[in-house]
Amino acid sequence: LLRTLRDILNRRGYQPLTANSAREGLALVAQSLPAVALVDLKLPD
């Protein structure tokens, strides 16, 4: 699903940053301060 979402956003003109865990995602947010965050409500960590 992560790859699918990345492809959809790329076609729309976005340049998405992807993470498959909460800790990795929060590290990306701290580094890039994104405009939008798409967050799965059920994560393993």
ModelCIF file with pLDDT and N, C-alpha, C, O atoms, coordinates in Angstrom:
data_MODEL
#
_entry.id   MODEL 
#
_entity.id                         1 
_entity.type                       polymer 
_entity.pdbx_number_of_molecules   1 
#
_entity_poly.entity_id                      1 
_entity_poly.type                           'polypeptide(L)' 
_entity_poly.nstd_linkage                   no 
_entity_poly.nstd_monomer                   no 
_entity_poly.pdbx_seq_one_letter_code       LLRTLRDILNRRGYQPLTANSAREGLALVAQSLPAVALVDLKLPD 
_entity_poly.pdbx_seq_one_letter_code_can   LLRTLRDILNRRGYQPLTANSAREGLALVAQSLPAVALVDLKLPD 
_entity_poly.pdbx_strand_id                 A 
#
loop_
_entity_poly_seq.entity_id 
_entity_poly_seq.num 
_entity_poly_seq.mon_id 
_entity_poly_seq.hetero 
1 1  LEU n 
1 2  LEU n 
1 3  ARG n 
1 4  THR n 
1 5  LEU n 
1 6  ARG n 
1 7  ASP n 
1 8  ILE n 
1 9  LEU n 
1 10 ASN n 
1 11 ARG n 
1 12 ARG n 
1 13 GLY n 
1 14 TYR n 
1 15 GLN n 
1 16 PRO n 
1 17 LEU n 
1 18 THR n 
1 19 ALA n 
1 20 ASN n 
1 21 SER n 
1 22 ALA n 
1 23 ARG n 
1 24 GLU n 
1 25 GLY n 
1 26 LEU n 
1 27 ALA n 
1 28 LEU n 
1 29 VAL n 
1 30 ALA n 
1 31 GLN n 
1 32 SER n 
1 33 LEU n 
1 34 PRO n 
1 35 ALA n 
1 36 VAL n 
1 37 ALA n 
1 38 LEU n 
1 39 VAL n 
1 40 ASP n 
1 41 LEU n 
1 42 LYS n 
1 43 LEU n 
1 44 PRO n 
1 45 ASP n 
#
_struct_asym.id          A 
_struct_asym.entity_id   1 
#
loop_
_ma_qa_metric.id 
_ma_qa_metric.mode 
_ma_qa_metric.name 
_ma_qa_metric.software_group_id 
_ma_qa_metric.type 
1 global pLDDT . pLDDT 
2 local  pLDDT . pLDDT 
#
_ma_qa_metric_global.metric_id      1 
_ma_qa_metric_global.metric_value   88.91 
_ma_qa_metric_global.model_id       1 
_ma_qa_metric_global.ordinal_id     1 
#
loop_
_ma_qa_metric_local.label_asym_id 
_ma_qa_metric_local.label_comp_id 
_ma_qa_metric_local.label_seq_id 
_ma_qa_metric_local.metric_id 
_ma_qa_metric_local.metric_value 
_ma_qa_metric_local.model_id 
_ma_qa_metric_local.ordinal_id 
A LEU 1  2 88.00 1 1  
A LEU 2  2 90.00 1 2  
A ARG 3  2 90.00 1 3  
A THR 4  2 90.00 1 4  
A LEU 5  2 90.00 1 5  
A ARG 6  2 89.00 1 6  
A ASP 7  2 90.00 1 7  
A ILE 8  2 91.00 1 8  
A LEU 9  2 91.00 1 9  
A ASN 10 2 89.00 1 10 
A ARG 11 2 86.00 1 11 
A ARG 12 2 86.00 1 12 
A GLY 13 2 86.00 1 13 
A TYR 14 2 87.00 1 14 
A GLN 15 2 83.00 1 15 
A PRO 16 2 90.00 1 16 
A LEU 17 2 91.00 1 17 
A THR 18 2 91.00 1 18 
A ALA 19 2 91.00 1 19 
A ASN 20 2 88.00 1 20 
A SER 21 2 90.00 1 21 
A ALA 22 2 89.00 1 22 
A ARG 23 2 91.00 1 23 
A GLU 24 2 91.00 1 24 
A GLY 25 2 90.00 1 25 
A LEU 26 2 92.00 1 26 
A ALA 27 2 92.00 1 27 
A LEU 28 2 91.00 1 28 
A VAL 29 2 90.00 1 29 
A ALA 30 2 91.00 1 30 
A GLN 31 2 90.00 1 31 
A SER 32 2 89.00 1 32 
A LEU 33 2 89.00 1 33 
A PRO 34 2 91.00 1 34 
A ALA 35 2 90.00 1 35 
A VAL 36 2 91.00 1 36 
A ALA 37 2 90.00 1 37 
A LEU 38 2 88.00 1 38 
A VAL 39 2 89.00 1 39 
A ASP 40 2 87.00 1 40 
A LEU 41 2 81.00 1 41 
A LYS 42 2 82.00 1 42 
A LEU 43 2 86.00 1 43 
A PRO 44 2 86.00 1 44 
A ASP 45 2 88.00 1 45 
#
loop_
_atom_site.group_PDB 
_atom_site.id 
_atom_site.type_symbol 
_atom_site.label_atom_id 
_atom_site.label_alt_id 
_atom_site.label_comp_id 
_atom_site.label_asym_id 
_atom_site.label_entity_id 
_atom_site.label_seq_id 
_atom_site.pdbx_PDB_ins_code 
_atom_site.Cartn_x 
_atom_site.Cartn_y 
_atom_site.Cartn_z 
_atom_site.occupancy 
_atom_site.B_iso_or_equiv 
_atom_site.pdbx_formal_charge 
_atom_site.auth_seq_id 
_atom_site.auth_comp_id 
_atom_site.auth_asym_id 
_atom_site.auth_atom_id 
_atom_site.pdbx_PDB_model_num 
ATOM 1   N N  . LEU A 1 1  ? 0.838  -1.208 0.000   1.00 88.00 ? 1  LEU A N  1 
ATOM 2   C CA . LEU A 1 1  ? 0.000  0.000  0.000   1.00 88.00 ? 1  LEU A CA 1 
ATOM 3   C C  . LEU A 1 1  ? 0.870  1.254  0.000   1.00 88.00 ? 1  LEU A C  1 
ATOM 4   O O  . LEU A 1 1  ? 0.520  2.251  -0.631  1.00 88.00 ? 1  LEU A O  1 
ATOM 5   N N  . LEU A 1 2  ? 1.989  1.210  0.697   1.00 90.00 ? 2  LEU A N  1 
ATOM 6   C CA . LEU A 1 2  ? 2.898  2.361  0.751   1.00 90.00 ? 2  LEU A CA 1 
ATOM 7   C C  . LEU A 1 2  ? 3.419  2.698  -0.650  1.00 90.00 ? 2  LEU A C  1 
ATOM 8   O O  . LEU A 1 2  ? 3.480  3.867  -1.031  1.00 90.00 ? 2  LEU A O  1 
ATOM 9   N N  . ARG A 1 3  ? 3.794  1.660  -1.414  1.00 90.00 ? 3  ARG A N  1 
ATOM 10  C CA . ARG A 1 3  ? 4.252  1.895  -2.785  1.00 90.00 ? 3  ARG A CA 1 
ATOM 11  C C  . ARG A 1 3  ? 3.135  2.468  -3.641  1.00 90.00 ? 3  ARG A C  1 
ATOM 12  O O  . ARG A 1 3  ? 3.364  3.367  -4.451  1.00 90.00 ? 3  ARG A O  1 
ATOM 13  N N  . THR A 1 4  ? 1.915  1.942  -3.460  1.00 90.00 ? 4  THR A N  1 
ATOM 14  C CA . THR A 1 4  ? 0.771  2.438  -4.239  1.00 90.00 ? 4  THR A CA 1 
ATOM 15  C C  . THR A 1 4  ? 0.510  3.908  -3.944  1.00 90.00 ? 4  THR A C  1 
ATOM 16  O O  . THR A 1 4  ? 0.329  4.710  -4.860  1.00 90.00 ? 4  THR A O  1 
ATOM 17  N N  . LEU A 1 5  ? 0.491  4.256  -2.669  1.00 90.00 ? 5  LEU A N  1 
ATOM 18  C CA . LEU A 1 5  ? 0.259  5.657  -2.285  1.00 90.00 ? 5  LEU A CA 1 
ATOM 19  C C  . LEU A 1 5  ? 1.355  6.567  -2.835  1.00 90.00 ? 5  LEU A C  1 
ATOM 20  O O  . LEU A 1 5  ? 1.078  7.684  -3.273  1.00 90.00 ? 5  LEU A O  1 
ATOM 21  N N  . ARG A 1 6  ? 2.587  6.092  -2.813  1.00 89.00 ? 6  ARG A N  1 
ATOM 22  C CA . ARG A 1 6  ? 3.699  6.888  -3.333  1.00 89.00 ? 6  ARG A CA 1 
ATOM 23  C C  . ARG A 1 6  ? 3.535  7.125  -4.832  1.00 89.00 ? 6  ARG A C  1 
ATOM 24  O O  . ARG A 1 6  ? 3.787  8.229  -5.315  1.00 89.00 ? 6  ARG A O  1 
ATOM 25  N N  . ASP A 1 7  ? 3.113  6.097  -5.573  1.00 90.00 ? 7  ASP A N  1 
ATOM 26  C CA . ASP A 1 7  ? 2.919  6.245  -7.016  1.00 90.00 ? 7  ASP A CA 1 
ATOM 27  C C  . ASP A 1 7  ? 1.796  7.225  -7.317  1.00 90.00 ? 7  ASP A C  1 
ATOM 28  O O  . ASP A 1 7  ? 1.919  8.057  -8.216  1.00 90.00 ? 7  ASP A O  1 
ATOM 29  N N  . ILE A 1 8  ? 0.692  7.129  -6.563  1.00 91.00 ? 8  ILE A N  1 
ATOM 30  C CA . ILE A 1 8  ? -0.445 8.038  -6.786  1.00 91.00 ? 8  ILE A CA 1 
ATOM 31  C C  . ILE A 1 8  ? -0.023 9.487  -6.555  1.00 91.00 ? 8  ILE A C  1 
ATOM 32  O O  . ILE A 1 8  ? -0.350 10.374 -7.342  1.00 91.00 ? 8  ILE A O  1 
ATOM 33  N N  . LEU A 1 9  ? 0.692  9.706  -5.484  1.00 91.00 ? 9  LEU A N  1 
ATOM 34  C CA . LEU A 1 9  ? 1.118  11.077 -5.157  1.00 91.00 ? 9  LEU A CA 1 
ATOM 35  C C  . LEU A 1 9  ? 2.138  11.601 -6.164  1.00 91.00 ? 9  LEU A C  1 
ATOM 36  O O  . LEU A 1 9  ? 2.124  12.783 -6.507  1.00 91.00 ? 9  LEU A O  1 
ATOM 37  N N  . ASN A 1 10 ? 3.023  10.724 -6.636  1.00 89.00 ? 10 ASN A N  1 
ATOM 38  C CA . ASN A 1 10 ? 3.991  11.142 -7.659  1.00 89.00 ? 10 ASN A CA 1 
ATOM 39  C C  . ASN A 1 10 ? 3.288  11.588 -8.929  1.00 89.00 ? 10 ASN A C  1 
ATOM 40  O O  . ASN A 1 10 ? 3.676  12.586 -9.536  1.00 89.00 ? 10 ASN A O  1 
ATOM 41  N N  . ARG A 1 11 ? 2.255  10.856 -9.335  1.00 86.00 ? 11 ARG A N  1 
ATOM 42  C CA . ARG A 1 11 ? 1.517  11.224 -10.550 1.00 86.00 ? 11 ARG A CA 1 
ATOM 43  C C  . ARG A 1 11 ? 0.800  12.567 -10.381 1.00 86.00 ? 11 ARG A C  1 
ATOM 44  O O  . ARG A 1 11 ? 0.588  13.298 -11.349 1.00 86.00 ? 11 ARG A O  1 
ATOM 45  N N  . ARG A 1 12 ? 0.438  12.871 -9.161  1.00 86.00 ? 12 ARG A N  1 
ATOM 46  C CA . ARG A 1 12 ? -0.267 14.139 -8.905  1.00 86.00 ? 12 ARG A CA 1 
ATOM 47  C C  . ARG A 1 12 ? 0.705  15.327 -8.897  1.00 86.00 ? 12 ARG A C  1 
ATOM 48  O O  . ARG A 1 12 ? 0.278  16.481 -8.936  1.00 86.00 ? 12 ARG A O  1 
ATOM 49  N N  . GLY A 1 13 ? 1.984  15.045 -8.847  1.00 86.00 ? 13 GLY A N  1 
ATOM 50  C CA . GLY A 1 13 ? 2.960  16.125 -8.823  1.00 86.00 ? 13 GLY A CA 1 
ATOM 51  C C  . GLY A 1 13 ? 3.620  16.320 -7.475  1.00 86.00 ? 13 GLY A C  1 
ATOM 52  O O  . GLY A 1 13 ? 4.479  17.189 -7.323  1.00 86.00 ? 13 GLY A O  1 
ATOM 53  N N  . TYR A 1 14 ? 3.227  15.516 -6.489  1.00 87.00 ? 14 TYR A N  1 
ATOM 54  C CA . TYR A 1 14 ? 3.865  15.589 -5.176  1.00 87.00 ? 14 TYR A CA 1 
ATOM 55  C C  . TYR A 1 14 ? 5.169  14.800 -5.186  1.00 87.00 ? 14 TYR A C  1 
ATOM 56  O O  . TYR A 1 14 ? 5.408  13.984 -6.076  1.00 87.00 ? 14 TYR A O  1 
ATOM 57  N N  . GLN A 1 15 ? 6.000  15.054 -4.196  1.00 83.00 ? 15 GLN A N  1 
ATOM 58  C CA . GLN A 1 15 ? 7.224  14.272 -3.992  1.00 83.00 ? 15 GLN A CA 1 
ATOM 59  C C  . GLN A 1 15 ? 7.163  13.698 -2.576  1.00 83.00 ? 15 GLN A C  1 
ATOM 60  O O  . GLN A 1 15 ? 7.741  14.266 -1.650  1.00 83.00 ? 15 GLN A O  1 
ATOM 61  N N  . PRO A 1 16 ? 6.470  12.582 -2.411  1.00 90.00 ? 16 PRO A N  1 
ATOM 62  C CA . PRO A 1 16 ? 6.218  12.061 -1.069  1.00 90.00 ? 16 PRO A CA 1 
ATOM 63  C C  . PRO A 1 16 ? 7.456  11.438 -0.431  1.00 90.00 ? 16 PRO A C  1 
ATOM 64  O O  . PRO A 1 16 ? 8.333  10.904 -1.110  1.00 90.00 ? 16 PRO A O  1 
ATOM 65  N N  . LEU A 1 17 ? 7.494  11.525 0.901   1.00 91.00 ? 17 LEU A N  1 
ATOM 66  C CA . LEU A 1 17 ? 8.468  10.818 1.717   1.00 91.00 ? 17 LEU A CA 1 
ATOM 67  C C  . LEU A 1 17 ? 7.716  9.714  2.441   1.00 91.00 ? 17 LEU A C  1 
ATOM 68  O O  . LEU A 1 17 ? 6.660  9.967  3.020   1.00 91.00 ? 17 LEU A O  1 
ATOM 69  N N  . THR A 1 18 ? 8.242  8.488  2.418   1.00 91.00 ? 18 THR A N  1 
ATOM 70  C CA . THR A 1 18 ? 7.497  7.358  2.953   1.00 91.00 ? 18 THR A CA 1 
ATOM 71  C C  . THR A 1 18 ? 8.251  6.697  4.102   1.00 91.00 ? 18 THR A C  1 
ATOM 72  O O  . THR A 1 18 ? 9.482  6.691  4.146   1.00 91.00 ? 18 THR A O  1 
ATOM 73  N N  . ALA A 1 19 ? 7.468  6.138  5.037   1.00 91.00 ? 19 ALA A N  1 
ATOM 74  C CA . ALA A 1 19 ? 8.025  5.413  6.180   1.00 91.00 ? 19 ALA A CA 1 
ATOM 75  C C  . ALA A 1 19 ? 7.070  4.278  6.528   1.00 91.00 ? 19 ALA A C  1 
ATOM 76  O O  . ALA A 1 19 ? 5.853  4.458  6.481   1.00 91.00 ? 19 ALA A O  1 
ATOM 77  N N  . ASN A 1 20 ? 7.613  3.102  6.879   1.00 88.00 ? 20 ASN A N  1 
ATOM 78  C CA . ASN A 1 20 ? 6.754  1.973  7.236   1.00 88.00 ? 20 ASN A CA 1 
ATOM 79  C C  . ASN A 1 20 ? 6.703  1.727  8.735   1.00 88.00 ? 20 ASN A C  1 
ATOM 80  O O  . ASN A 1 20 ? 6.262  0.666  9.177   1.00 88.00 ? 20 ASN A O  1 
ATOM 81  N N  . SER A 1 21 ? 7.162  2.723  9.537   1.00 90.00 ? 21 SER A N  1 
ATOM 82  C CA . SER A 1 21 ? 7.039  2.616  10.986  1.00 90.00 ? 21 SER A CA 1 
ATOM 83  C C  . SER A 1 21 ? 6.845  4.015  11.560  1.00 90.00 ? 21 SER A C  1 
ATOM 84  O O  . SER A 1 21 ? 7.183  5.019  10.931  1.00 90.00 ? 21 SER A O  1 
ATOM 85  N N  . ALA A 1 22 ? 6.292  4.054  12.772  1.00 89.00 ? 22 ALA A N  1 
ATOM 86  C CA . ALA A 1 22 ? 6.017  5.342  13.417  1.00 89.00 ? 22 ALA A CA 1 
ATOM 87  C C  . ALA A 1 22 ? 7.316  6.109  13.684  1.00 89.00 ? 22 ALA A C  1 
ATOM 88  O O  . ALA A 1 22 ? 7.390  7.311  13.428  1.00 89.00 ? 22 ALA A O  1 
ATOM 89  N N  . ARG A 1 23 ? 8.326  5.425  14.192  1.00 91.00 ? 23 ARG A N  1 
ATOM 90  C CA . ARG A 1 23 ? 9.580  6.100  14.552  1.00 91.00 ? 23 ARG A CA 1 
ATOM 91  C C  . ARG A 1 23 ? 10.278 6.662  13.314  1.00 91.00 ? 23 ARG A C  1 
ATOM 92  O O  . ARG A 1 23 ? 10.811 7.772  13.340  1.00 91.00 ? 23 ARG A O  1 
ATOM 93  N N  . GLU A 1 24 ? 10.270 5.887  12.236  1.00 91.00 ? 24 GLU A N  1 
ATOM 94  C CA . GLU A 1 24 ? 10.868 6.371  10.990  1.00 91.00 ? 24 GLU A CA 1 
ATOM 95  C C  . GLU A 1 24 ? 10.090 7.566  10.457  1.00 91.00 ? 24 GLU A C  1 
ATOM 96  O O  . GLU A 1 24 ? 10.677 8.537  9.979   1.00 91.00 ? 24 GLU A O  1 
ATOM 97  N N  . GLY A 1 25 ? 8.764  7.489  10.544  1.00 90.00 ? 25 GLY A N  1 
ATOM 98  C CA . GLY A 1 25 ? 7.929  8.591  10.062  1.00 90.00 ? 25 GLY A CA 1 
ATOM 99  C C  . GLY A 1 25 ? 8.131  9.862  10.863  1.00 90.00 ? 25 GLY A C  1 
ATOM 100 O O  . GLY A 1 25 ? 8.206  10.949 10.291  1.00 90.00 ? 25 GLY A O  1 
ATOM 101 N N  . LEU A 1 26 ? 8.220  9.741  12.193  1.00 92.00 ? 26 LEU A N  1 
ATOM 102 C CA . LEU A 1 26 ? 8.436  10.916 13.034  1.00 92.00 ? 26 LEU A CA 1 
ATOM 103 C C  . LEU A 1 26 ? 9.800  11.540 12.767  1.00 92.00 ? 26 LEU A C  1 
ATOM 104 O O  . LEU A 1 26 ? 9.952  12.760 12.831  1.00 92.00 ? 26 LEU A O  1 
ATOM 105 N N  . ALA A 1 27 ? 10.793 10.702 12.466  1.00 92.00 ? 27 ALA A N  1 
ATOM 106 C CA . ALA A 1 27 ? 12.109 11.233 12.112  1.00 92.00 ? 27 ALA A CA 1 
ATOM 107 C C  . ALA A 1 27 ? 12.038 12.039 10.821  1.00 92.00 ? 27 ALA A C  1 
ATOM 108 O O  . ALA A 1 27 ? 12.683 13.080 10.701  1.00 92.00 ? 27 ALA A O  1 
ATOM 109 N N  . LEU A 1 28 ? 11.250 11.557 9.847   1.00 91.00 ? 28 LEU A N  1 
ATOM 110 C CA . LEU A 1 28 ? 11.070 12.297 8.591   1.00 91.00 ? 28 LEU A CA 1 
ATOM 111 C C  . LEU A 1 28 ? 10.360 13.627 8.835   1.00 91.00 ? 28 LEU A C  1 
ATOM 112 O O  . LEU A 1 28 ? 10.719 14.650 8.253   1.00 91.00 ? 28 LEU A O  1 
ATOM 113 N N  . VAL A 1 29 ? 9.341  13.599 9.711   1.00 90.00 ? 29 VAL A N  1 
ATOM 114 C CA . VAL A 1 29 ? 8.606  14.829 10.024  1.00 90.00 ? 29 VAL A CA 1 
ATOM 115 C C  . VAL A 1 29 ? 9.531  15.843 10.688  1.00 90.00 ? 29 VAL A C  1 
ATOM 116 O O  . VAL A 1 29 ? 9.509  17.023 10.339  1.00 90.00 ? 29 VAL A O  1 
ATOM 117 N N  . ALA A 1 30 ? 10.340 15.394 11.639  1.00 91.00 ? 30 ALA A N  1 
ATOM 118 C CA . ALA A 1 30 ? 11.262 16.304 12.323  1.00 91.00 ? 30 ALA A CA 1 
ATOM 119 C C  . ALA A 1 30 ? 12.269 16.913 11.365  1.00 91.00 ? 30 ALA A C  1 
ATOM 120 O O  . ALA A 1 30 ? 12.696 18.052 11.554  1.00 91.00 ? 30 ALA A O  1 
ATOM 121 N N  . GLN A 1 31 ? 12.653 16.164 10.337  1.00 90.00 ? 31 GLN A N  1 
ATOM 122 C CA . GLN A 1 31 ? 13.661 16.628 9.388   1.00 90.00 ? 31 GLN A CA 1 
ATOM 123 C C  . GLN A 1 31 ? 13.072 17.545 8.324   1.00 90.00 ? 31 GLN A C  1 
ATOM 124 O O  . GLN A 1 31 ? 13.690 18.544 7.956   1.00 90.00 ? 31 GLN A O  1 
ATOM 125 N N  . SER A 1 32 ? 11.880 17.213 7.827   1.00 89.00 ? 32 SER A N  1 
ATOM 126 C CA . SER A 1 32 ? 11.335 17.930 6.659   1.00 89.00 ? 32 SER A CA 1 
ATOM 127 C C  . SER A 1 32 ? 10.220 18.905 6.981   1.00 89.00 ? 32 SER A C  1 
ATOM 128 O O  . SER A 1 32 ? 9.923  19.776 6.163   1.00 89.00 ? 32 SER A O  1 
ATOM 129 N N  . LEU A 1 33 ? 9.571  18.788 8.179   1.00 89.00 ? 33 LEU A N  1 
ATOM 130 C CA . LEU A 1 33 ? 8.427  19.635 8.538   1.00 89.00 ? 33 LEU A CA 1 
ATOM 131 C C  . LEU A 1 33 ? 7.433  19.708 7.370   1.00 89.00 ? 33 LEU A C  1 
ATOM 132 O O  . LEU A 1 33 ? 7.246  20.776 6.788   1.00 89.00 ? 33 LEU A O  1 
ATOM 133 N N  . PRO A 1 34 ? 6.798  18.585 7.026   1.00 91.00 ? 34 PRO A N  1 
ATOM 134 C CA . PRO A 1 34 ? 5.975  18.522 5.824   1.00 91.00 ? 34 PRO A CA 1 
ATOM 135 C C  . PRO A 1 34 ? 4.681  19.329 5.942   1.00 91.00 ? 34 PRO A C  1 
ATOM 136 O O  . PRO A 1 34 ? 4.239  19.687 7.034   1.00 91.00 ? 34 PRO A O  1 
ATOM 137 N N  . ALA A 1 35 ? 4.094  19.598 4.775   1.00 90.00 ? 35 ALA A N  1 
ATOM 138 C CA . ALA A 1 35 ? 2.797  20.270 4.759   1.00 90.00 ? 35 ALA A CA 1 
ATOM 139 C C  . ALA A 1 35 ? 1.691  19.322 5.183   1.00 90.00 ? 35 ALA A C  1 
ATOM 140 O O  . ALA A 1 35 ? 0.779  19.709 5.914   1.00 90.00 ? 35 ALA A O  1 
ATOM 141 N N  . VAL A 1 36 ? 1.772  18.073 4.722   1.00 91.00 ? 36 VAL A N  1 
ATOM 142 C CA . VAL A 1 36 ? 0.716  17.088 4.981   1.00 91.00 ? 36 VAL A CA 1 
ATOM 143 C C  . VAL A 1 36 ? 1.373  15.797 5.457   1.00 91.00 ? 36 VAL A C  1 
ATOM 144 O O  . VAL A 1 36 ? 2.429  15.399 4.965   1.00 91.00 ? 36 VAL A O  1 
ATOM 145 N N  . ALA A 1 37 ? 0.721  15.147 6.432   1.00 90.00 ? 37 ALA A N  1 
ATOM 146 C CA . ALA A 1 37 ? 1.151  13.822 6.886   1.00 90.00 ? 37 ALA A CA 1 
ATOM 147 C C  . ALA A 1 37 ? -0.026 12.869 6.777   1.00 90.00 ? 37 ALA A C  1 
ATOM 148 O O  . ALA A 1 37 ? -1.093 13.117 7.337   1.00 90.00 ? 37 ALA A O  1 
ATOM 149 N N  . LEU A 1 38 ? 0.176  11.781 6.053   1.00 88.00 ? 38 LEU A N  1 
ATOM 150 C CA . LEU A 1 38 ? -0.837 10.728 5.894   1.00 88.00 ? 38 LEU A CA 1 
ATOM 151 C C  . LEU A 1 38 ? -0.431 9.591  6.817   1.00 88.00 ? 38 LEU A C  1 
ATOM 152 O O  . LEU A 1 38 ? 0.584  8.935  6.584   1.00 88.00 ? 38 LEU A O  1 
ATOM 153 N N  . VAL A 1 39 ? -1.219 9.349  7.869   1.00 89.00 ? 39 VAL A N  1 
ATOM 154 C CA . VAL A 1 39 ? -0.792 8.461  8.952   1.00 89.00 ? 39 VAL A CA 1 
ATOM 155 C C  . VAL A 1 39 ? -1.772 7.302  9.113   1.00 89.00 ? 39 VAL A C  1 
ATOM 156 O O  . VAL A 1 39 ? -2.976 7.502  9.270   1.00 89.00 ? 39 VAL A O  1 
ATOM 157 N N  . ASP A 1 40 ? -1.226 6.083  9.069   1.00 87.00 ? 40 ASP A N  1 
ATOM 158 C CA . ASP A 1 40 ? -2.022 4.899  9.374   1.00 87.00 ? 40 ASP A CA 1 
ATOM 159 C C  . ASP A 1 40 ? -2.294 4.888  10.881  1.00 87.00 ? 40 ASP A C  1 
ATOM 160 O O  . ASP A 1 40 ? -1.386 5.095  11.687  1.00 87.00 ? 40 ASP A O  1 
ATOM 161 N N  . LEU A 1 41 ? -3.546 4.646  11.245  1.00 81.00 ? 41 LEU A N  1 
ATOM 162 C CA . LEU A 1 41 ? -3.914 4.713  12.650  1.00 81.00 ? 41 LEU A CA 1 
ATOM 163 C C  . LEU A 1 41 ? -3.449 3.496  13.434  1.00 81.00 ? 41 LEU A C  1 
ATOM 164 O O  . LEU A 1 41 ? -3.410 3.526  14.664  1.00 81.00 ? 41 LEU A O  1 
ATOM 165 N N  . LYS A 1 42 ? -3.087 2.404  12.715  1.00 82.00 ? 42 LYS A N  1 
ATOM 166 C CA . LYS A 1 42 ? -2.656 1.195  13.402  1.00 82.00 ? 42 LYS A CA 1 
ATOM 167 C C  . LYS A 1 42 ? -1.264 0.834  12.906  1.00 82.00 ? 42 LYS A C  1 
ATOM 168 O O  . LYS A 1 42 ? -1.098 0.307  11.806  1.00 82.00 ? 42 LYS A O  1 
ATOM 169 N N  . LEU A 1 43 ? -0.261 1.127  13.739  1.00 86.00 ? 43 LEU A N  1 
ATOM 170 C CA . LEU A 1 43 ? 1.131  0.885  13.376  1.00 86.00 ? 43 LEU A CA 1 
ATOM 171 C C  . LEU A 1 43 ? 1.741  -0.112 14.362  1.00 86.00 ? 43 LEU A C  1 
ATOM 172 O O  . LEU A 1 43 ? 1.306  -0.180 15.511  1.00 86.00 ? 43 LEU A O  1 
ATOM 173 N N  . PRO A 1 44 ? 2.735  -0.884 13.933  1.00 86.00 ? 44 PRO A N  1 
ATOM 174 C CA . PRO A 1 44 ? 3.262  -1.955 14.786  1.00 86.00 ? 44 PRO A CA 1 
ATOM 175 C C  . PRO A 1 44 ? 4.059  -1.452 15.992  1.00 86.00 ? 44 PRO A C  1 
ATOM 176 O O  . PRO A 1 44 ? 4.063  -2.101 17.038  1.00 86.00 ? 44 PRO A O  1 
ATOM 177 N N  . ASP A 1 45 ? 4.734  -0.308 15.862  1.00 88.00 ? 45 ASP A N  1 
ATOM 178 C CA . ASP A 1 45 ? 5.625  0.126  16.941  1.00 88.00 ? 45 ASP A CA 1 
ATOM 179 C C  . ASP A 1 45 ? 5.072  1.251  17.814  1.00 88.00 ? 45 ASP A C  1 
ATOM 180 O O  . ASP A 1 45 ? 5.740  1.691  18.750  1.00 88.00 ? 45 ASP A O  1 
#
